[in-house]
Amino acid sequence: MKQTNVRGRLIDNTISVIAAYGLDKTTTKAIVGGTNINEAYIYRYFHDKDSLLATAFDKLDAELVEITSSYVHLLGVKELDIEARCRLFFKPVWEFLLGNKEKCLAFIRYYYSPYFRKYSAESHKERYGGLIESFDEVFREEANTWMLLNHILNVMLSFAIKVFDDSVANDDDTAEHVFRLVYYSTKPYFKKEDGNNEDEESV
């Protein structure tokens, strides 16, 4: 069995277990359950279980950065008004979240846990450095881009979880509600651009 395959399977299994049962029940036995991987392999590829949990989160975090980065350039399409740009950015990111229930559940359960603060908060912020620079291009100089980016993703993730647990419907009305929450809370921080007829206070 190839080493990379074992390591990758351990990470993927960890994500599945966190999503299905939560962090408290993500034991080493549960992680290797249903596989032919011995528990001892966890300690061959990772310092301990906590290291494996952090690595699993890193994988999810990197994927979220990648998908978000793929569409952030749409916020800079000057031919469109701010709302149209935001819709272009929002739609594919929202659809990505809804299409990856297991990953979203695992991500948010780790993100709101003590594990995140202890093991992953610093690397998480470093990982988003390039994305922050991209958002800096469209937000005003005085805006706290890191705070705004966290707000955008937190709102979208929290509503994705509500869709998954059937608290809200998975339909266009929900998507529009989430969009409007994100849009109207960030709209004041966008740069005013030449040729934009909107009032300074509303941009």
C-alpha atoms as a PDB file:
ATOM      1  CA  MET A   1       0.000   0.000   0.000  1.00  0.00           C
ATOM      2  CA  LYS A   2       1.499   3.331  -1.060  1.00  0.00           C
ATOM      3  CA  GLN A   3       2.335   5.726   1.766  1.00  0.00           C
ATOM      4  CA  THR A   4       0.587   8.660   0.068  1.00  0.00           C
ATOM      5  CA  ASN A   5      -2.548   6.559  -0.314  1.00  0.00           C
ATOM      6  CA  VAL A   6      -2.596   5.657   3.377  1.00  0.00           C
ATOM      7  CA  ARG A   7      -2.014   9.231   4.484  1.00  0.00           C
ATOM      8  CA  GLY A   8      -4.663  10.557   2.122  1.00  0.00           C
ATOM      9  CA  ARG A   9      -7.183   7.930   3.184  1.00  0.00           C
ATOM     10  CA  LEU A  10      -6.616   8.771   6.834  1.00  0.00           C
ATOM     11  CA  ILE A  11      -7.277  12.441   6.116  1.00  0.00           C
ATOM     12  CA  ASP A  12     -10.398  11.711   4.062  1.00  0.00           C
ATOM     13  CA  ASN A  13     -11.716   9.283   6.673  1.00  0.00           C
ATOM     14  CA  THR A  14     -11.165  11.870   9.373  1.00  0.00           C
ATOM     15  CA  ILE A  15     -13.245  14.393   7.416  1.00  0.00           C
ATOM     16  CA  SER A  16     -16.028  11.815   6.991  1.00  0.00           C
ATOM     17  CA  VAL A  17     -16.073  10.898  10.690  1.00  0.00           C
ATOM     18  CA  ILE A  18     -16.107  14.529  11.852  1.00  0.00           C
ATOM     19  CA  ALA A  19     -18.970  15.251   9.468  1.00  0.00           C
ATOM     20  CA  ALA A  20     -20.980  12.213  10.536  1.00  0.00           C
ATOM     21  CA  TYR A  21     -20.386  12.138  14.284  1.00  0.00           C
ATOM     22  CA  GLY A  22     -18.697  15.349  15.414  1.00  0.00           C
ATOM     23  CA  LEU A  23     -15.256  15.899  16.889  1.00  0.00           C
ATOM     24  CA  ASP A  24     -15.998  14.294  20.247  1.00  0.00           C
ATOM     25  CA  LYS A  25     -16.599  10.954  18.559  1.00  0.00           C
ATOM     26  CA  THR A  26     -13.727  11.232  16.109  1.00  0.00           C
ATOM     27  CA  THR A  27     -11.516   8.633  17.744  1.00  0.00           C
ATOM     28  CA  THR A  28      -8.566   6.909  16.111  1.00  0.00           C
ATOM     29  CA  LYS A  29     -10.621   3.720  16.053  1.00  0.00           C
ATOM     30  CA  ALA A  30     -13.459   5.499  14.238  1.00  0.00           C
ATOM     31  CA  ILE A  31     -11.043   7.030  11.745  1.00  0.00           C
ATOM     32  CA  VAL A  32      -9.721   3.653  10.598  1.00  0.00           C
ATOM     33  CA  GLY A  33     -13.079   1.918  10.943  1.00  0.00           C
ATOM     34  CA  GLY A  34     -14.247   0.206   7.781  1.00  0.00           C
ATOM     35  CA  THR A  35     -10.767   0.232   6.298  1.00  0.00           C
ATOM     36  CA  ASN A  36      -7.835  -2.166   6.275  1.00  0.00           C
ATOM     37  CA  ILE A  37      -5.594   0.485   7.862  1.00  0.00           C
ATOM     38  CA  ASN A  38      -4.172  -0.262  11.290  1.00  0.00           C
ATOM     39  CA  GLU A  39      -4.525   2.470  13.934  1.00  0.00           C
ATOM     40  CA  ALA A  40      -0.737   2.480  14.291  1.00  0.00           C
ATOM     41  CA  TYR A  41      -0.459   4.078  10.856  1.00  0.00           C
ATOM     42  CA  ILE A  42      -1.956   7.271  12.247  1.00  0.00           C
ATOM     43  CA  TYR A  43       1.154   7.725  14.359  1.00  0.00           C
ATOM     44  CA  ARG A  44       3.416   6.849  11.463  1.00  0.00           C
ATOM     45  CA  TYR A  45       2.110   9.722   9.337  1.00  0.00           C
ATOM     46  CA  PHE A  46       1.030  12.185  12.021  1.00  0.00           C
ATOM     47  CA  HIS A  47       2.424  13.246  15.378  1.00  0.00           C
ATOM     48  CA  ASP A  48      -0.866  12.394  17.085  1.00  0.00           C
ATOM     49  CA  LYS A  49      -4.612  12.476  16.508  1.00  0.00           C
ATOM     50  CA  ASP A  50      -4.738  16.242  17.003  1.00  0.00           C
ATOM     51  CA  SER A  51      -2.203  16.655  14.214  1.00  0.00           C
ATOM     52  CA  LEU A  52      -4.362  14.503  11.942  1.00  0.00           C
ATOM     53  CA  LEU A  53      -7.443  16.583  12.774  1.00  0.00           C
ATOM     54  CA  ALA A  54      -5.564  19.806  11.993  1.00  0.00           C
ATOM     55  CA  THR A  55      -4.274  18.362   8.718  1.00  0.00           C
ATOM     56  CA  ALA A  56      -7.791  17.364   7.700  1.00  0.00           C
ATOM     57  CA  PHE A  57      -8.974  20.900   8.413  1.00  0.00           C
ATOM     58  CA  ASP A  58      -6.040  22.311   6.439  1.00  0.00           C
ATOM     59  CA  LYS A  59      -7.169  20.327   3.418  1.00  0.00           C
ATOM     60  CA  LEU A  60     -10.719  21.661   3.690  1.00  0.00           C
ATOM     61  CA  ASP A  61      -9.498  25.183   4.347  1.00  0.00           C
ATOM     62  CA  ALA A  62      -7.206  25.157   1.323  1.00  0.00           C
ATOM     63  CA  GLU A  63     -10.058  23.970  -0.887  1.00  0.00           C
ATOM     64  CA  LEU A  64     -12.329  26.767   0.352  1.00  0.00           C
ATOM     65  CA  VAL A  65      -9.589  29.316  -0.334  1.00  0.00           C
ATOM     66  CA  GLU A  66      -9.111  27.884  -3.819  1.00  0.00           C
ATOM     67  CA  ILE A  67     -12.781  28.043  -4.782  1.00  0.00           C
ATOM     68  CA  THR A  68     -13.209  31.517  -3.306  1.00  0.00           C
ATOM     69  CA  SER A  69     -10.074  32.762  -5.043  1.00  0.00           C
ATOM     70  CA  SER A  70     -11.362  31.413  -8.358  1.00  0.00           C
ATOM     71  CA  TYR A  71     -14.253  33.883  -8.342  1.00  0.00           C
ATOM     72  CA  VAL A  72     -13.053  36.881  -6.349  1.00  0.00           C
ATOM     73  CA  HIS A  73     -11.844  38.587  -9.544  1.00  0.00           C
ATOM     74  CA  LEU A  74     -15.502  39.003 -10.532  1.00  0.00           C
ATOM     75  CA  LEU A  75     -15.840  41.646  -7.829  1.00  0.00           C
ATOM     76  CA  GLY A  76     -13.564  43.839  -9.906  1.00  0.00           C
ATOM     77  CA  VAL A  77     -15.568  43.792 -13.147  1.00  0.00           C
ATOM     78  CA  LYS A  78     -16.043  47.547 -13.441  1.00  0.00           C
ATOM     79  CA  GLU A  79     -18.529  47.301 -16.305  1.00  0.00           C
ATOM     80  CA  LEU A  80     -21.084  45.942 -13.813  1.00  0.00           C
ATOM     81  CA  ASP A  81     -22.585  47.581 -10.765  1.00  0.00           C
ATOM     82  CA  ILE A  82     -21.626  46.364  -7.315  1.00  0.00           C
ATOM     83  CA  GLU A  83     -24.679  44.174  -6.801  1.00  0.00           C
ATOM     84  CA  ALA A  84     -24.200  42.375 -10.109  1.00  0.00           C
ATOM     85  CA  ARG A  85     -20.539  41.732  -9.300  1.00  0.00           C
ATOM     86  CA  CYS A  86     -21.421  40.378  -5.881  1.00  0.00           C
ATOM     87  CA  ARG A  87     -24.004  38.039  -7.401  1.00  0.00           C
ATOM     88  CA  LEU A  88     -21.419  36.681  -9.828  1.00  0.00           C
ATOM     89  CA  PHE A  89     -19.093  35.966  -6.925  1.00  0.00           C
ATOM     90  CA  PHE A  90     -21.729  34.641  -4.546  1.00  0.00           C
ATOM     91  CA  LYS A  91     -23.512  32.115  -6.766  1.00  0.00           C
ATOM     92  CA  PRO A  92     -20.676  29.648  -7.520  1.00  0.00           C
ATOM     93  CA  VAL A  93     -19.295  29.800  -3.975  1.00  0.00           C
ATOM     94  CA  TRP A  94     -22.752  29.167  -2.500  1.00  0.00           C
ATOM     95  CA  GLU A  95     -23.351  26.282  -4.901  1.00  0.00           C
ATOM     96  CA  PHE A  96     -19.963  24.809  -4.006  1.00  0.00           C
ATOM     97  CA  LEU A  97     -20.845  24.833  -0.305  1.00  0.00           C
ATOM     98  CA  LEU A  98     -24.257  23.238  -0.859  1.00  0.00           C
ATOM     99  CA  GLY A  99     -22.700  20.603  -3.109  1.00  0.00           C
ATOM    100  CA  ASN A 100     -20.210  19.520  -0.443  1.00  0.00           C
ATOM    101  CA  LYS A 101     -22.259  18.709   2.643  1.00  0.00           C
ATOM    102  CA  GLU A 102     -19.694  16.422   4.260  1.00  0.00           C
ATOM    103  CA  LYS A 103     -16.866  18.892   3.788  1.00  0.00           C
ATOM    104  CA  CYS A 104     -18.921  21.810   5.087  1.00  0.00           C
ATOM    105  CA  LEU A 105     -20.003  19.927   8.187  1.00  0.00           C
ATOM    106  CA  ALA A 106     -16.465  18.825   8.974  1.00  0.00           C
ATOM    107  CA  PHE A 107     -15.064  22.304   8.298  1.00  0.00           C
ATOM    108  CA  ILE A 108     -17.491  24.187  10.492  1.00  0.00           C
ATOM    109  CA  ARG A 109     -17.373  21.662  13.360  1.00  0.00           C
ATOM    110  CA  TYR A 110     -13.610  21.992  13.520  1.00  0.00           C
ATOM    111  CA  TYR A 111     -13.656  25.749  12.915  1.00  0.00           C
ATOM    112  CA  TYR A 112     -15.853  26.385  15.955  1.00  0.00           C
ATOM    113  CA  SER A 113     -13.935  23.992  18.197  1.00  0.00           C
ATOM    114  CA  PRO A 114     -11.025  24.541  20.624  1.00  0.00           C
ATOM    115  CA  TYR A 115      -8.882  22.566  18.169  1.00  0.00           C
ATOM    116  CA  PHE A 116      -9.054  25.419  15.684  1.00  0.00           C
ATOM    117  CA  ARG A 117      -7.921  28.063  18.135  1.00  0.00           C
ATOM    118  CA  LYS A 118      -5.117  25.878  19.456  1.00  0.00           C
ATOM    119  CA  TYR A 119      -3.758  24.295  16.289  1.00  0.00           C
ATOM    120  CA  SER A 120      -5.032  26.054  13.169  1.00  0.00           C
ATOM    121  CA  ALA A 121      -5.897  29.728  13.689  1.00  0.00           C
ATOM    122  CA  GLU A 122      -2.469  31.055  12.688  1.00  0.00           C
ATOM    123  CA  SER A 123      -2.044  28.894   9.585  1.00  0.00           C
ATOM    124  CA  HIS A 124      -5.651  29.652   8.628  1.00  0.00           C
ATOM    125  CA  LYS A 125      -4.961  33.384   8.524  1.00  0.00           C
ATOM    126  CA  GLU A 126      -1.706  32.899   6.597  1.00  0.00           C
ATOM    127  CA  ARG A 127      -3.510  30.705   4.064  1.00  0.00           C
ATOM    128  CA  TYR A 128      -5.975  33.502   3.328  1.00  0.00           C
ATOM    129  CA  GLY A 129      -3.251  36.089   2.727  1.00  0.00           C
ATOM    130  CA  GLY A 130      -3.558  36.086  -1.061  1.00  0.00           C
ATOM    131  CA  LEU A 131      -7.333  36.200  -0.897  1.00  0.00           C
ATOM    132  CA  ILE A 132      -7.192  39.181   1.442  1.00  0.00           C
ATOM    133  CA  GLU A 133      -4.967  40.985  -1.060  1.00  0.00           C
ATOM    134  CA  SER A 134      -7.553  40.336  -3.785  1.00  0.00           C
ATOM    135  CA  PHE A 135     -10.361  41.728  -1.639  1.00  0.00           C
ATOM    136  CA  ASP A 136      -8.182  44.726  -0.783  1.00  0.00           C
ATOM    137  CA  GLU A 137      -8.418  45.671  -4.458  1.00  0.00           C
ATOM    138  CA  VAL A 138     -12.173  46.216  -4.215  1.00  0.00           C
ATOM    139  CA  PHE A 139     -12.650  47.358  -0.613  1.00  0.00           C
ATOM    140  CA  ARG A 140     -11.912  50.806   0.723  1.00  0.00           C
ATOM    141  CA  GLU A 141      -8.544  51.406   2.315  1.00  0.00           C
ATOM    142  CA  GLU A 142     -10.028  51.815   5.790  1.00  0.00           C
ATOM    143  CA  ALA A 143     -11.974  48.525   5.592  1.00  0.00           C
ATOM    144  CA  ASN A 144     -10.926  45.613   7.779  1.00  0.00           C
ATOM    145  CA  THR A 145     -10.682  43.110   4.941  1.00  0.00           C
ATOM    146  CA  TRP A 146      -9.893  40.141   7.159  1.00  0.00           C
ATOM    147  CA  MET A 147     -12.990  40.794   9.253  1.00  0.00           C
ATOM    148  CA  LEU A 148     -15.179  41.268   6.172  1.00  0.00           C
ATOM    149  CA  LEU A 149     -13.907  38.094   4.526  1.00  0.00           C
ATOM    150  CA  ASN A 150     -14.589  36.103   7.680  1.00  0.00           C
ATOM    151  CA  HIS A 151     -18.054  37.603   7.864  1.00  0.00           C
ATOM    152  CA  ILE A 152     -18.853  36.661   4.255  1.00  0.00           C
ATOM    153  CA  LEU A 153     -17.721  33.067   4.661  1.00  0.00           C
ATOM    154  CA  ASN A 154     -19.261  32.638   8.110  1.00  0.00           C
ATOM    155  CA  VAL A 155     -22.677  33.784   6.902  1.00  0.00           C
ATOM    156  CA  MET A 156     -22.556  31.458   3.913  1.00  0.00           C
ATOM    157  CA  LEU A 157     -21.299  28.492   5.929  1.00  0.00           C
ATOM    158  CA  SER A 158     -23.824  28.956   8.723  1.00  0.00           C
ATOM    159  CA  PHE A 159     -26.726  29.015   6.263  1.00  0.00           C
ATOM    160  CA  ALA A 160     -25.338  26.037   4.369  1.00  0.00           C
ATOM    161  CA  ILE A 161     -25.483  24.096   7.650  1.00  0.00           C
ATOM    162  CA  LYS A 162     -29.102  25.213   8.127  1.00  0.00           C
ATOM    163  CA  VAL A 163     -29.893  23.851   4.668  1.00  0.00           C
ATOM    164  CA  PHE A 164     -28.238  20.551   5.547  1.00  0.00           C
ATOM    165  CA  ASP A 165     -30.220  20.101   8.764  1.00  0.00           C
ATOM    166  CA  ASP A 166     -33.460  21.191   7.032  1.00  0.00           C
ATOM    167  CA  SER A 167     -33.838  24.343   9.134  1.00  0.00           C
ATOM    168  CA  VAL A 168     -34.237  26.279   5.905  1.00  0.00           C
ATOM    169  CA  ALA A 169     -35.173  25.170   2.418  1.00  0.00           C
ATOM    170  CA  ASN A 170     -32.616  24.576  -0.295  1.00  0.00           C
ATOM    171  CA  ASP A 171     -34.225  26.912  -2.806  1.00  0.00           C
ATOM    172  CA  ASP A 172     -33.842  30.237  -4.581  1.00  0.00           C
ATOM    173  CA  ASP A 173     -35.494  32.142  -1.725  1.00  0.00           C
ATOM    174  CA  THR A 174     -32.866  30.944   0.731  1.00  0.00           C
ATOM    175  CA  ALA A 175     -30.054  31.721  -1.702  1.00  0.00           C
ATOM    176  CA  GLU A 176     -31.446  35.222  -2.206  1.00  0.00           C
ATOM    177  CA  HIS A 177     -31.786  35.764   1.547  1.00  0.00           C
ATOM    178  CA  VAL A 178     -28.174  34.718   2.155  1.00  0.00           C
ATOM    179  CA  PHE A 179     -26.972  36.868  -0.721  1.00  0.00           C
ATOM    180  CA  ARG A 180     -28.753  39.938   0.605  1.00  0.00           C
ATOM    181  CA  LEU A 181     -27.300  39.415   4.081  1.00  0.00           C
ATOM    182  CA  VAL A 182     -23.814  39.284   2.614  1.00  0.00           C
ATOM    183  CA  TYR A 183     -24.350  42.043   0.086  1.00  0.00           C
ATOM    184  CA  TYR A 184     -25.916  44.710   2.300  1.00  0.00           C
ATOM    185  CA  SER A 185     -23.442  44.132   5.118  1.00  0.00           C
ATOM    186  CA  THR A 186     -20.413  44.562   2.833  1.00  0.00           C
ATOM    187  CA  LYS A 187     -21.730  47.090   0.312  1.00  0.00           C
ATOM    188  CA  PRO A 188     -20.640  50.166   2.324  1.00  0.00           C
ATOM    189  CA  TYR A 189     -17.011  49.012   2.194  1.00  0.00           C
ATOM    190  CA  PHE A 190     -16.636  48.806  -1.581  1.00  0.00           C
ATOM    191  CA  LYS A 191     -14.540  51.466  -3.243  1.00  0.00           C
ATOM    192  CA  LYS A 192     -16.352  54.222  -5.088  1.00  0.00           C
ATOM    193  CA  GLU A 193     -15.209  54.087  -8.686  1.00  0.00           C
ATOM    194  CA  ASP A 194     -15.169  56.655 -11.459  1.00  0.00           C
ATOM    195  CA  GLY A 195     -18.444  56.685 -13.356  1.00  0.00           C
ATOM    196  CA  ASN A 196     -20.396  55.127 -10.515  1.00  0.00           C
ATOM    197  CA  ASN A 197     -23.541  57.149  -9.953  1.00  0.00           C
ATOM    198  CA  GLU A 198     -24.354  55.734  -6.548  1.00  0.00           C
ATOM    199  CA  ASP A 199     -24.119  58.028  -3.556  1.00  0.00           C
ATOM    200  CA  GLU A 200     -20.951  57.841  -1.509  1.00  0.00           C
ATOM    201  CA  GLU A 201     -22.804  56.488   1.501  1.00  0.00           C
ATOM    202  CA  SER A 202     -24.371  53.614  -0.427  1.00  0.00           C
ATOM    203  CA  VAL A 203     -21.266  52.300  -2.145  1.00  0.00           C
END
